[in-house]
Amino acid sequence: MMFETTQEVLDRVPFSSPTMYRLIQQGQFPRPIKIGRRSYWRPEEVNAALQAFADARK
């Protein structure tokens, strides 16, 4: 299974790091998987969140 780093996720999303973490706290963006001190995301979860944002704008 492939994971994305924080920077890889931030390169794909249309918002800043503080906004991403605020959305995580609000339950509107997937929580990262912590491995050691680093955070990783499952690409399919990020894709689903981005699709949900797009659908909400319609």
Protein backbone atom coordinates (compact mmCIF):
# COMPACT_ATOMS: atom_id res chain seq x y z
CA MET A 1 0.00 0.00 0.00
CA MET A 2 1.32 3.40 -0.97
CA PHE A 3 1.06 6.40 1.29
CA GLU A 4 1.45 10.10 0.57
CA THR A 5 3.57 12.43 2.66
CA THR A 6 2.27 15.70 4.04
CA GLN A 7 3.98 17.63 1.24
CA GLU A 8 2.54 15.35 -1.44
CA VAL A 9 -0.96 15.90 -0.04
CA LEU A 10 -0.45 19.66 0.18
CA ASP A 11 0.70 19.69 -3.45
CA ARG A 12 -2.70 18.18 -4.42
CA VAL A 13 -5.15 20.09 -2.23
CA PRO A 14 -6.33 23.66 -2.89
CA PHE A 15 -5.63 24.89 0.64
CA SER A 16 -2.78 25.55 3.05
CA SER A 17 -1.35 23.32 5.75
CA PRO A 18 -3.13 25.16 8.61
CA THR A 19 -6.43 24.85 6.76
CA MET A 20 -5.84 21.15 6.15
CA TYR A 21 -5.21 20.52 9.84
CA ARG A 22 -8.26 22.59 10.80
CA LEU A 23 -10.37 20.46 8.44
CA ILE A 24 -8.93 17.33 10.06
CA GLN A 25 -9.96 18.63 13.49
CA GLN A 26 -13.45 19.35 12.16
CA GLY A 27 -13.73 15.85 10.71
CA GLN A 28 -13.89 17.12 7.13
CA PHE A 29 -10.54 15.70 5.97
CA PRO A 30 -9.00 12.30 6.69
CA ARG A 31 -6.68 11.93 9.65
CA PRO A 32 -3.10 10.98 8.83
CA ILE A 33 -1.47 7.74 9.79
CA LYS A 34 1.43 8.45 12.12
CA ILE A 35 4.57 6.40 11.59
CA GLY A 36 7.17 7.62 14.01
CA ARG A 37 7.05 11.40 13.87
CA ARG A 38 5.83 11.55 10.29
CA SER A 39 2.29 11.78 8.96
CA TYR A 40 1.10 9.83 5.94
CA TRP A 41 -2.22 9.71 4.11
CA ARG A 42 -3.92 7.03 2.07
CA PRO A 43 -4.35 8.49 -1.43
CA GLU A 44 -7.83 7.01 -1.79
CA GLU A 45 -8.98 8.82 1.37
CA VAL A 46 -7.57 12.13 0.10
CA ASN A 47 -9.25 11.55 -3.28
CA ALA A 48 -12.58 10.85 -1.55
CA ALA A 49 -12.30 14.04 0.52
CA LEU A 50 -11.47 16.12 -2.55
CA GLN A 51 -14.43 14.58 -4.40
CA ALA A 52 -16.72 15.37 -1.45
CA PHE A 53 -15.56 19.03 -1.54
CA ALA A 54 -16.22 19.16 -5.29
CA ASP A 55 -19.66 17.57 -4.90
CA ALA A 56 -20.56 20.05 -2.15
CA ARG A 57 -19.81 22.95 -4.50
CA LYS A 58 -22.31 21.74 -7.12
